[in-house]
Amino acid sequence: QVQLVESGGGLVEAGGSLRLSCAASGRTFSRPPMGWFRQAPGKEREFVAAINWSGGSTLYADSVKGRFTISRDNAKNTVYLQMNSLKPEDTAVYYCAAALRSGLLSRLRGNYDYWGQGTQVTVSS
């Protein structure tokens, strides 16, 4: 079992920055791949970024590449999503997720089996 708690969301103007954090507890010693997803009102939950256990491999959605950076601090059991040059279309609830069972670094929601409760990010124009 892994428990995930996101924080750091809020309201920011277009062009601004936010850093989201995801604190993990429970079976964190297995160092699963971690991902960030987001869901805007009326839309499907979509992949944003993912990182492997060491932090040496990352994946990004094309829509955020060059603006967002995913990182992790295994000593703190925390994953971060640094979001720069935010746009109104980045407005969504952001969720972190752990791929504990599959152990795969993936863009696919089905590979992630533990999810946080989400944190709201709102970007005003």
Protein backbone atom coordinates (compact mmCIF):
# COMPACT_ATOMS: atom_id res chain seq x y z
CA GLN A 1 0.00 0.00 0.00
CA VAL A 2 1.13 3.52 -0.79
CA GLN A 3 -0.55 6.72 0.37
CA LEU A 4 -0.05 9.86 -1.72
CA VAL A 5 -0.82 13.44 -0.71
CA GLU A 6 -0.46 16.32 -3.17
CA SER A 7 0.07 19.94 -2.25
CA GLY A 8 1.15 23.20 -3.84
CA GLY A 9 -1.78 23.96 -6.08
CA GLY A 10 -3.38 27.37 -6.27
CA LEU A 11 -4.32 30.33 -8.44
CA VAL A 12 -1.65 31.90 -10.63
CA GLU A 13 -1.59 34.30 -13.56
CA ALA A 14 -0.63 33.14 -17.02
CA GLY A 15 3.14 33.04 -17.35
CA GLY A 16 3.60 32.31 -13.68
CA SER A 17 5.00 29.26 -11.89
CA LEU A 18 3.91 26.73 -9.30
CA ARG A 19 5.61 23.73 -7.73
CA LEU A 20 3.48 20.75 -6.81
CA SER A 21 4.62 18.21 -4.26
CA CYS A 22 3.50 14.64 -3.72
CA ALA A 23 4.40 13.07 -0.38
CA ALA A 24 4.36 9.29 -0.31
CA SER A 25 4.03 7.02 2.70
CA GLY A 26 3.59 3.33 3.21
CA ARG A 27 5.44 0.93 0.94
CA THR A 28 7.81 3.58 -0.38
CA PHE A 29 10.93 1.44 0.00
CA SER A 30 10.09 -0.17 -3.35
CA ARG A 31 10.66 3.19 -5.07
CA PRO A 32 7.97 2.80 -7.75
CA PRO A 33 7.85 4.94 -10.88
CA MET A 34 5.74 8.03 -10.19
CA GLY A 35 3.55 10.06 -12.48
CA TRP A 36 1.56 13.26 -12.60
CA PHE A 37 -1.79 13.40 -14.36
CA ARG A 38 -4.36 16.16 -14.67
CA GLN A 39 -8.06 16.42 -15.28
CA ALA A 40 -9.88 19.50 -16.47
CA PRO A 41 -13.66 19.84 -16.12
CA GLY A 42 -15.47 17.71 -18.67
CA LYS A 43 -12.27 16.10 -19.91
CA GLU A 44 -10.51 12.79 -19.46
CA ARG A 45 -7.65 12.50 -17.01
CA GLU A 46 -4.47 12.94 -19.03
CA PHE A 47 -0.82 12.16 -18.56
CA VAL A 48 1.53 15.02 -17.68
CA ALA A 49 4.89 13.59 -16.61
CA ALA A 50 6.51 10.52 -15.08
CA ILE A 51 9.81 9.62 -13.46
CA ASN A 52 11.56 6.34 -12.73
CA TRP A 53 12.85 5.20 -9.36
CA SER A 54 16.26 6.85 -9.62
CA GLY A 55 15.12 10.02 -11.33
CA GLY A 56 17.34 9.21 -14.27
CA SER A 57 14.50 8.69 -16.75
CA THR A 58 11.54 10.95 -17.32
CA LEU A 59 8.58 11.22 -19.68
CA TYR A 60 6.55 14.31 -20.57
CA ALA A 61 3.40 15.07 -22.47
CA ASP A 62 4.11 17.17 -25.54
CA SER A 63 1.88 19.92 -24.18
CA VAL A 64 4.14 20.52 -21.16
CA LYS A 65 7.57 19.61 -22.51
CA GLY A 66 10.03 22.43 -21.91
CA ARG A 67 7.77 24.09 -19.33
CA PHE A 68 7.30 21.44 -16.64
CA THR A 69 9.97 19.46 -14.81
CA ILE A 70 9.37 16.33 -12.73
CA SER A 71 11.83 15.34 -10.04
CA ARG A 72 11.96 13.20 -6.91
CA ASP A 73 13.74 13.14 -3.59
CA ASN A 74 13.75 9.54 -2.40
CA ALA A 75 15.18 10.51 0.98
CA LYS A 76 12.01 12.57 1.55
CA ASN A 77 9.69 10.18 -0.32
CA THR A 78 8.49 13.15 -2.33
CA VAL A 79 7.93 13.81 -6.03
CA TYR A 80 7.76 17.32 -7.43
CA LEU A 81 6.32 18.95 -10.51
CA GLN A 82 7.82 22.34 -11.28
CA MET A 83 5.47 24.18 -13.62
CA ASN A 84 6.73 27.28 -15.42
CA SER A 85 5.22 29.50 -18.11
CA LEU A 86 1.75 28.38 -17.08
CA LYS A 87 -1.12 28.80 -19.50
CA PRO A 88 -4.89 28.93 -18.90
CA GLU A 89 -5.18 25.54 -20.58
CA ASP A 90 -3.05 24.07 -17.76
CA THR A 91 -5.99 24.64 -15.41
CA ALA A 92 -6.99 21.28 -13.94
CA VAL A 93 -6.90 19.09 -10.87
CA TYR A 94 -3.44 17.54 -10.73
CA TYR A 95 -2.98 14.02 -9.39
CA CYS A 96 0.14 12.10 -8.54
CA ALA A 97 0.22 8.36 -8.95
CA ALA A 98 2.48 5.40 -8.20
CA ALA A 99 3.08 2.41 -10.47
CA LEU A 100 3.77 -0.02 -7.65
CA ARG A 101 2.54 -3.27 -9.18
CA SER A 102 3.66 -2.75 -12.76
CA GLY A 103 6.92 -1.02 -11.96
CA LEU A 104 6.72 0.54 -15.43
CA LEU A 105 7.62 4.10 -16.37
CA SER A 106 4.56 4.84 -18.45
CA ARG A 107 2.15 7.40 -19.89
CA LEU A 108 -0.76 5.01 -19.40
CA ARG A 109 -3.19 5.52 -16.53
CA GLY A 110 -3.74 1.78 -16.26
CA ASN A 111 -0.15 1.22 -15.17
CA TYR A 112 -0.66 3.35 -12.03
CA ASP A 113 -2.43 1.72 -9.12
CA TYR A 114 -2.20 4.29 -6.31
CA TRP A 115 -3.49 7.84 -6.61
CA GLY A 116 -3.57 10.95 -4.50
CA GLN A 117 -6.66 13.06 -3.88
CA GLY A 118 -5.57 15.81 -6.27
CA THR A 119 -4.71 19.48 -6.00
CA GLN A 120 -6.37 22.27 -7.98
CA VAL A 121 -4.29 24.45 -10.29
CA THR A 122 -6.02 27.46 -11.80
CA VAL A 123 -4.27 29.71 -14.31
CA SER A 124 -5.94 33.02 -15.06
CA SER A 125 -5.51 34.81 -18.38
